[in-house]
Amino acid sequence: MEEKTNPKRSLLDEACKIVYLNFGNETAQLYKAGLKDKAEKEILSSLEDSLKELVGPDHAKRQIEEMQDKFNNHDD
């Protein structure tokens, strides 16, 4: 069984984890449904905009960087 998945889907899943932790399950589900067909850049932009409003720009940047590091480390 091969572990490789659609890279966009993995990024969206990681973004949804952050949404879940910051906004809750219902918002994470809406986020996933709304962005499932969007490009990575649009997913990241949407996530960053939402987080900036909730936790401020510094914390938003930190969370996104951590997500990207995790995503990039698993994208072998």
PDB file of N, CA and C in Angstrom:
ATOM      1  N   MET A   1       0.842  -1.184   0.000  1.00  0.00           N
ATOM      2  CA  MET A   1       0.000   0.000   0.000  1.00  0.00           C
ATOM      3  C   MET A   1       0.881   1.239   0.000  1.00  0.00           C
ATOM      4  N   GLU A   2       0.706   2.085  -0.967  1.00  0.00           N
ATOM      5  CA  GLU A   2       1.563   3.257  -1.117  1.00  0.00           C
ATOM      6  C   GLU A   2       1.060   4.412  -0.266  1.00  0.00           C
ATOM      7  N   GLU A   3       2.004   5.099   0.413  1.00  0.00           N
ATOM      8  CA  GLU A   3       1.671   6.188   1.316  1.00  0.00           C
ATOM      9  C   GLU A   3       1.496   7.525   0.618  1.00  0.00           C
ATOM     10  N   LYS A   4       1.968   7.660  -0.604  1.00  0.00           N
ATOM     11  CA  LYS A   4       1.902   8.948  -1.294  1.00  0.00           C
ATOM     12  C   LYS A   4       0.454   9.365  -1.488  1.00  0.00           C
ATOM     13  N   THR A   5       0.191  10.641  -1.194  1.00  0.00           N
ATOM     14  CA  THR A   5      -1.142  11.181  -1.389  1.00  0.00           C
ATOM     15  C   THR A   5      -1.028  12.425  -2.246  1.00  0.00           C
ATOM     16  N   ASN A   6      -2.153  12.939  -2.641  1.00  0.00           N
ATOM     17  CA  ASN A   6      -2.186  14.179  -3.392  1.00  0.00           C
ATOM     18  C   ASN A   6      -1.571  15.278  -2.527  1.00  0.00           C
ATOM     19  N   PRO A   7      -0.495  15.938  -2.984  1.00  0.00           N
ATOM     20  CA  PRO A   7       0.157  16.957  -2.161  1.00  0.00           C
ATOM     21  C   PRO A   7      -0.785  18.080  -1.747  1.00  0.00           C
ATOM     22  N   LYS A   8      -1.684  18.489  -2.649  1.00  0.00           N
ATOM     23  CA  LYS A   8      -2.616  19.552  -2.307  1.00  0.00           C
ATOM     24  C   LYS A   8      -3.540  19.088  -1.188  1.00  0.00           C
ATOM     25  N   ARG A   9      -3.980  17.853  -1.242  1.00  0.00           N
ATOM     26  CA  ARG A   9      -4.854  17.303  -0.215  1.00  0.00           C
ATOM     27  C   ARG A   9      -4.122  17.285   1.124  1.00  0.00           C
ATOM     28  N   SER A  10      -2.862  16.895   1.139  1.00  0.00           N
ATOM     29  CA  SER A  10      -2.096  16.864   2.383  1.00  0.00           C
ATOM     30  C   SER A  10      -1.940  18.253   2.968  1.00  0.00           C
ATOM     31  N   LEU A  11      -1.671  19.235   2.115  1.00  0.00           N
ATOM     32  CA  LEU A  11      -1.558  20.609   2.591  1.00  0.00           C
ATOM     33  C   LEU A  11      -2.895  21.068   3.155  1.00  0.00           C
ATOM     34  N   LEU A  12      -3.972  20.757   2.470  1.00  0.00           N
ATOM     35  CA  LEU A  12      -5.294  21.134   2.957  1.00  0.00           C
ATOM     36  C   LEU A  12      -5.581  20.454   4.297  1.00  0.00           C
ATOM     37  N   ASP A  13      -5.210  19.194   4.433  1.00  0.00           N
ATOM     38  CA  ASP A  13      -5.409  18.490   5.703  1.00  0.00           C
ATOM     39  C   ASP A  13      -4.626  19.154   6.832  1.00  0.00           C
ATOM     40  N   GLU A  14      -3.396  19.539   6.554  1.00  0.00           N
ATOM     41  CA  GLU A  14      -2.587  20.220   7.572  1.00  0.00           C
ATOM     42  C   GLU A  14      -3.189  21.579   7.920  1.00  0.00           C
ATOM     43  N   ALA A  15      -3.649  22.302   6.905  1.00  0.00           N
ATOM     44  CA  ALA A  15      -4.284  23.592   7.151  1.00  0.00           C
ATOM     45  C   ALA A  15      -5.546  23.415   7.990  1.00  0.00           C
ATOM     46  N   CYS A  16      -6.305  22.370   7.703  1.00  0.00           N
ATOM     47  CA  CYS A  16      -7.534  22.106   8.460  1.00  0.00           C
ATOM     48  C   CYS A  16      -7.237  21.763   9.918  1.00  0.00           C
ATOM     49  N   LYS A  17      -6.110  21.136  10.168  1.00  0.00           N
ATOM     50  CA  LYS A  17      -5.719  20.862  11.561  1.00  0.00           C
ATOM     51  C   LYS A  17      -5.522  22.166  12.324  1.00  0.00           C
ATOM     52  N   ILE A  18      -4.883  23.120  11.664  1.00  0.00           N
ATOM     53  CA  ILE A  18      -4.663  24.426  12.298  1.00  0.00           C
ATOM     54  C   ILE A  18      -5.993  25.133  12.508  1.00  0.00           C
ATOM     55  N   VAL A  19      -6.868  25.089  11.511  1.00  0.00           N
ATOM     56  CA  VAL A  19      -8.195  25.696  11.651  1.00  0.00           C
ATOM     57  C   VAL A  19      -8.936  25.032  12.808  1.00  0.00           C
ATOM     58  N   TYR A  20      -8.876  23.717  12.878  1.00  0.00           N
ATOM     59  CA  TYR A  20      -9.536  22.981  13.953  1.00  0.00           C
ATOM     60  C   TYR A  20      -9.034  23.436  15.326  1.00  0.00           C
ATOM     61  N   LEU A  21      -7.731  23.548  15.471  1.00  0.00           N
ATOM     62  CA  LEU A  21      -7.157  23.929  16.758  1.00  0.00           C
ATOM     63  C   LEU A  21      -7.507  25.357  17.158  1.00  0.00           C
ATOM     64  N   ASN A  22      -7.671  26.239  16.175  1.00  0.00           N
ATOM     65  CA  ASN A  22      -7.938  27.635  16.460  1.00  0.00           C
ATOM     66  C   ASN A  22      -9.420  27.997  16.434  1.00  0.00           C
ATOM     67  N   PHE A  23     -10.192  27.343  15.584  1.00  0.00           N
ATOM     68  CA  PHE A  23     -11.583  27.737  15.370  1.00  0.00           C
ATOM     69  C   PHE A  23     -12.599  26.652  15.720  1.00  0.00           C
ATOM     70  N   GLY A  24     -12.167  25.399  15.823  1.00  0.00           N
ATOM     71  CA  GLY A  24     -13.081  24.320  16.156  1.00  0.00           C
ATOM     72  C   GLY A  24     -13.415  23.433  14.970  1.00  0.00           C
ATOM     73  N   ASN A  25     -14.105  22.341  15.259  1.00  0.00           N
ATOM     74  CA  ASN A  25     -14.389  21.308  14.270  1.00  0.00           C
ATOM     75  C   ASN A  25     -15.305  21.791  13.143  1.00  0.00           C
ATOM     76  N   GLU A  26     -16.390  22.472  13.490  1.00  0.00           N
ATOM     77  CA  GLU A  26     -17.330  22.899  12.449  1.00  0.00           C
ATOM     78  C   GLU A  26     -16.663  23.824  11.437  1.00  0.00           C
ATOM     79  N   THR A  27     -15.865  24.742  11.910  1.00  0.00           N
ATOM     80  CA  THR A  27     -15.174  25.666  11.017  1.00  0.00           C
ATOM     81  C   THR A  27     -14.154  24.919  10.168  1.00  0.00           C
ATOM     82  N   ALA A  28     -13.478  23.954  10.752  1.00  0.00           N
ATOM     83  CA  ALA A  28     -12.500  23.170   9.987  1.00  0.00           C
ATOM     84  C   ALA A  28     -13.190  22.407   8.861  1.00  0.00           C
ATOM     85  N   GLN A  29     -14.372  21.860   9.121  1.00  0.00           N
ATOM     86  CA  GLN A  29     -15.109  21.139   8.086  1.00  0.00           C
ATOM     87  C   GLN A  29     -15.558  22.076   6.972  1.00  0.00           C
ATOM     88  N   LEU A  30     -16.032  23.262   7.335  1.00  0.00           N
ATOM     89  CA  LEU A  30     -16.437  24.251   6.336  1.00  0.00           C
ATOM     90  C   LEU A  30     -15.234  24.712   5.509  1.00  0.00           C
ATOM     91  N   TYR A  31     -14.121  24.913   6.179  1.00  0.00           N
ATOM     92  CA  TYR A  31     -12.893  25.337   5.520  1.00  0.00           C
ATOM     93  C   TYR A  31     -12.463  24.290   4.496  1.00  0.00           C
ATOM     94  N   LYS A  32     -12.478  23.042   4.903  1.00  0.00           N
ATOM     95  CA  LYS A  32     -12.059  21.959   4.013  1.00  0.00           C
ATOM     96  C   LYS A  32     -12.974  21.863   2.798  1.00  0.00           C
ATOM     97  N   ALA A  33     -14.262  21.958   3.017  1.00  0.00           N
ATOM     98  CA  ALA A  33     -15.224  21.874   1.912  1.00  0.00           C
ATOM     99  C   ALA A  33     -15.075  23.067   0.959  1.00  0.00           C
ATOM    100  N   GLY A  34     -14.833  24.223   1.514  1.00  0.00           N
ATOM    101  CA  GLY A  34     -14.731  25.431   0.697  1.00  0.00           C
ATOM    102  C   GLY A  34     -13.445  25.545  -0.098  1.00  0.00           C
ATOM    103  N   LEU A  35     -12.388  24.904   0.370  1.00  0.00           N
ATOM    104  CA  LEU A  35     -11.088  25.061  -0.288  1.00  0.00           C
ATOM    105  C   LEU A  35     -10.566  23.786  -0.937  1.00  0.00           C
ATOM    106  N   LYS A  36     -11.382  22.743  -0.981  1.00  0.00           N
ATOM    107  CA  LYS A  36     -10.893  21.454  -1.484  1.00  0.00           C
ATOM    108  C   LYS A  36     -10.410  21.508  -2.932  1.00  0.00           C
ATOM    109  N   ASP A  37     -10.940  22.402  -3.735  1.00  0.00           N
ATOM    110  CA  ASP A  37     -10.540  22.487  -5.140  1.00  0.00           C
ATOM    111  C   ASP A  37      -9.643  23.689  -5.435  1.00  0.00           C
ATOM    112  N   LYS A  38      -9.122  24.318  -4.409  1.00  0.00           N
ATOM    113  CA  LYS A  38      -8.305  25.515  -4.576  1.00  0.00           C
ATOM    114  C   LYS A  38      -6.819  25.166  -4.643  1.00  0.00           C
ATOM    115  N   ALA A  39      -6.063  26.086  -5.194  1.00  0.00           N
ATOM    116  CA  ALA A  39      -4.609  25.931  -5.287  1.00  0.00           C
ATOM    117  C   ALA A  39      -3.975  26.116  -3.909  1.00  0.00           C
ATOM    118  N   GLU A  40      -2.775  25.549  -3.752  1.00  0.00           N
ATOM    119  CA  GLU A  40      -2.059  25.652  -2.473  1.00  0.00           C
ATOM    120  C   GLU A  40      -1.905  27.100  -2.030  1.00  0.00           C
ATOM    121  N   LYS A  41      -1.584  27.970  -2.965  1.00  0.00           N
ATOM    122  CA  LYS A  41      -1.372  29.383  -2.628  1.00  0.00           C
ATOM    123  C   LYS A  41      -2.643  29.992  -2.038  1.00  0.00           C
ATOM    124  N   GLU A  42      -3.790  29.651  -2.605  1.00  0.00           N
ATOM    125  CA  GLU A  42      -5.057  30.177  -2.103  1.00  0.00           C
ATOM    126  C   GLU A  42      -5.410  29.590  -0.738  1.00  0.00           C
ATOM    127  N   ILE A  43      -5.095  28.321  -0.535  1.00  0.00           N
ATOM    128  CA  ILE A  43      -5.326  27.687   0.771  1.00  0.00           C
ATOM    129  C   ILE A  43      -4.494  28.393   1.838  1.00  0.00           C
ATOM    130  N   LEU A  44      -3.221  28.602   1.549  1.00  0.00           N
ATOM    131  CA  LEU A  44      -2.340  29.251   2.524  1.00  0.00           C
ATOM    132  C   LEU A  44      -2.749  30.700   2.779  1.00  0.00           C
ATOM    133  N   SER A  45      -3.138  31.406   1.737  1.00  0.00           N
ATOM    134  CA  SER A  45      -3.560  32.796   1.880  1.00  0.00           C
ATOM    135  C   SER A  45      -4.813  32.894   2.741  1.00  0.00           C
ATOM    136  N   SER A  46      -5.767  32.023   2.507  1.00  0.00           N
ATOM    137  CA  SER A  46      -6.995  32.015   3.288  1.00  0.00           C
ATOM    138  C   SER A  46      -6.707  31.711   4.752  1.00  0.00           C
ATOM    139  N   LEU A  47      -5.873  30.712   4.976  1.00  0.00           N
ATOM    140  CA  LEU A  47      -5.504  30.338   6.342  1.00  0.00           C
ATOM    141  C   LEU A  47      -4.812  31.495   7.050  1.00  0.00           C
ATOM    142  N   GLU A  48      -3.873  32.111   6.364  1.00  0.00           N
ATOM    143  CA  GLU A  48      -3.135  33.218   6.969  1.00  0.00           C
ATOM    144  C   GLU A  48      -4.071  34.379   7.314  1.00  0.00           C
ATOM    145  N   ASP A  49      -4.969  34.733   6.406  1.00  0.00           N
ATOM    146  CA  ASP A  49      -5.907  35.829   6.666  1.00  0.00           C
ATOM    147  C   ASP A  49      -6.785  35.538   7.877  1.00  0.00           C
ATOM    148  N   SER A  50      -7.293  34.321   7.954  1.00  0.00           N
ATOM    149  CA  SER A  50      -8.157  33.943   9.077  1.00  0.00           C
ATOM    150  C   SER A  50      -7.396  33.967  10.395  1.00  0.00           C
ATOM    151  N   LEU A  51      -6.198  33.415  10.389  1.00  0.00           N
ATOM    152  CA  LEU A  51      -5.409  33.373  11.619  1.00  0.00           C
ATOM    153  C   LEU A  51      -4.989  34.763  12.077  1.00  0.00           C
ATOM    154  N   LYS A  52      -4.660  35.635  11.135  1.00  0.00           N
ATOM    155  CA  LYS A  52      -4.268  36.999  11.507  1.00  0.00           C
ATOM    156  C   LYS A  52      -5.363  37.681  12.312  1.00  0.00           C
ATOM    157  N   GLU A  53      -6.609  37.469  11.907  1.00  0.00           N
ATOM    158  CA  GLU A  53      -7.720  38.084  12.617  1.00  0.00           C
ATOM    159  C   GLU A  53      -7.905  37.492  14.005  1.00  0.00           C
ATOM    160  N   LEU A  54      -7.645  36.207  14.153  1.00  0.00           N
ATOM    161  CA  LEU A  54      -7.892  35.538  15.430  1.00  0.00           C
ATOM    162  C   LEU A  54      -6.730  35.673  16.407  1.00  0.00           C
ATOM    163  N   VAL A  55      -5.511  35.389  15.947  1.00  0.00           N
ATOM    164  CA  VAL A  55      -4.373  35.320  16.864  1.00  0.00           C
ATOM    165  C   VAL A  55      -3.315  36.395  16.622  1.00  0.00           C
ATOM    166  N   GLY A  56      -3.496  37.205  15.605  1.00  0.00           N
ATOM    167  CA  GLY A  56      -2.533  38.247  15.292  1.00  0.00           C
ATOM    168  C   GLY A  56      -1.501  37.766  14.278  1.00  0.00           C
ATOM    169  N   PRO A  57      -0.848  38.720  13.610  1.00  0.00           N
ATOM    170  CA  PRO A  57       0.066  38.372  12.520  1.00  0.00           C
ATOM    171  C   PRO A  57       1.276  37.548  12.933  1.00  0.00           C
ATOM    172  N   ASP A  58       1.841  37.806  14.091  1.00  0.00           N
ATOM    173  CA  ASP A  58       3.028  37.060  14.520  1.00  0.00           C
ATOM    174  C   ASP A  58       2.711  35.592  14.783  1.00  0.00           C
ATOM    175  N   HIS A  59       1.637  35.349  15.507  1.00  0.00           N
ATOM    176  CA  HIS A  59       1.249  33.967  15.797  1.00  0.00           C
ATOM    177  C   HIS A  59       0.774  33.254  14.530  1.00  0.00           C
ATOM    178  N   ALA A  60       0.095  33.987  13.662  1.00  0.00           N
ATOM    179  CA  ALA A  60      -0.359  33.394  12.400  1.00  0.00           C
ATOM    180  C   ALA A  60       0.841  32.937  11.577  1.00  0.00           C
ATOM    181  N   LYS A  61       1.824  33.804  11.462  1.00  0.00           N
ATOM    182  CA  LYS A  61       3.024  33.474  10.690  1.00  0.00           C
ATOM    183  C   LYS A  61       3.721  32.258  11.281  1.00  0.00           C
ATOM    184  N   ARG A  62       3.827  32.218  12.588  1.00  0.00           N
ATOM    185  CA  ARG A  62       4.501  31.101  13.258  1.00  0.00           C
ATOM    186  C   ARG A  62       3.762  29.783  12.995  1.00  0.00           C
ATOM    187  N   GLN A  63       2.436  29.791  13.116  1.00  0.00           N
ATOM    188  CA  GLN A  63       1.668  28.568  12.896  1.00  0.00           C
ATOM    189  C   GLN A  63       1.777  28.086  11.448  1.00  0.00           C
ATOM    190  N   ILE A  64       1.750  29.015  10.518  1.00  0.00           N
ATOM    191  CA  ILE A  64       1.854  28.640   9.106  1.00  0.00           C
ATOM    192  C   ILE A  64       3.246  28.105   8.793  1.00  0.00           C
ATOM    193  N   GLU A  65       4.267  28.729   9.340  1.00  0.00           N
ATOM    194  CA  GLU A  65       5.629  28.240   9.121  1.00  0.00           C
ATOM    195  C   GLU A  65       5.806  26.838   9.700  1.00  0.00           C
ATOM    196  N   GLU A  66       5.252  26.601  10.881  1.00  0.00           N
ATOM    197  CA  GLU A  66       5.338  25.271  11.483  1.00  0.00           C
ATOM    198  C   GLU A  66       4.621  24.244  10.616  1.00  0.00           C
ATOM    199  N   MET A  67       3.464  24.619  10.082  1.00  0.00           N
ATOM    200  CA  MET A  67       2.711  23.717   9.215  1.00  0.00           C
ATOM    201  C   MET A  67       3.502  23.429   7.934  1.00  0.00           C
ATOM    202  N   GLN A  68       4.070  24.458   7.342  1.00  0.00           N
ATOM    203  CA  GLN A  68       4.832  24.266   6.113  1.00  0.00           C
ATOM    204  C   GLN A  68       6.061  23.406   6.362  1.00  0.00           C
ATOM    205  N   ASP A  69       6.736  23.608   7.487  1.00  0.00           N
ATOM    206  CA  ASP A  69       7.891  22.770   7.824  1.00  0.00           C
ATOM    207  C   ASP A  69       7.469  21.315   7.971  1.00  0.00           C
ATOM    208  N   LYS A  70       6.375  21.080   8.668  1.00  0.00           N
ATOM    209  CA  LYS A  70       5.875  19.723   8.845  1.00  0.00           C
ATOM    210  C   LYS A  70       5.464  19.130   7.509  1.00  0.00           C
ATOM    211  N   PHE A  71       4.758  19.896   6.704  1.00  0.00           N
ATOM    212  CA  PHE A  71       4.304  19.431   5.403  1.00  0.00           C
ATOM    213  C   PHE A  71       5.495  19.115   4.505  1.00  0.00           C
ATOM    214  N   ASN A  72       6.484  20.001   4.458  1.00  0.00           N
ATOM    215  CA  ASN A  72       7.657  19.803   3.609  1.00  0.00           C
ATOM    216  C   ASN A  72       8.496  18.606   4.065  1.00  0.00           C
ATOM    217  N   ASN A  73       8.548  18.370   5.371  1.00  0.00           N
ATOM    218  CA  ASN A  73       9.302  17.229   5.882  1.00  0.00           C
ATOM    219  C   ASN A  73       8.642  15.912   5.559  1.00  0.00           C
ATOM    220  N   HIS A  74       7.335  15.891   5.334  1.00  0.00           N
ATOM    221  CA  HIS A  74       6.626  14.668   5.003  1.00  0.00           C
ATOM    222  C   HIS A  74       6.411  14.515   3.497  1.00  0.00           C
ATOM    223  N   ASP A  75       6.896  15.445   2.721  1.00  0.00           N
ATOM    224  CA  ASP A  75       6.692  15.443   1.271  1.00  0.00           C
ATOM    225  C   ASP A  75       7.929  14.876   0.574  1.00  0.00           C
ATOM    226  N   ASP A  76       8.272  13.620   0.886  1.00  0.00           N
ATOM    227  CA  ASP A  76       9.490  12.994   0.353  1.00  0.00           C
ATOM    228  C   ASP A  76       9.300  12.535  -1.060  1.00  0.00           C
TER     229      ASP A  76
END
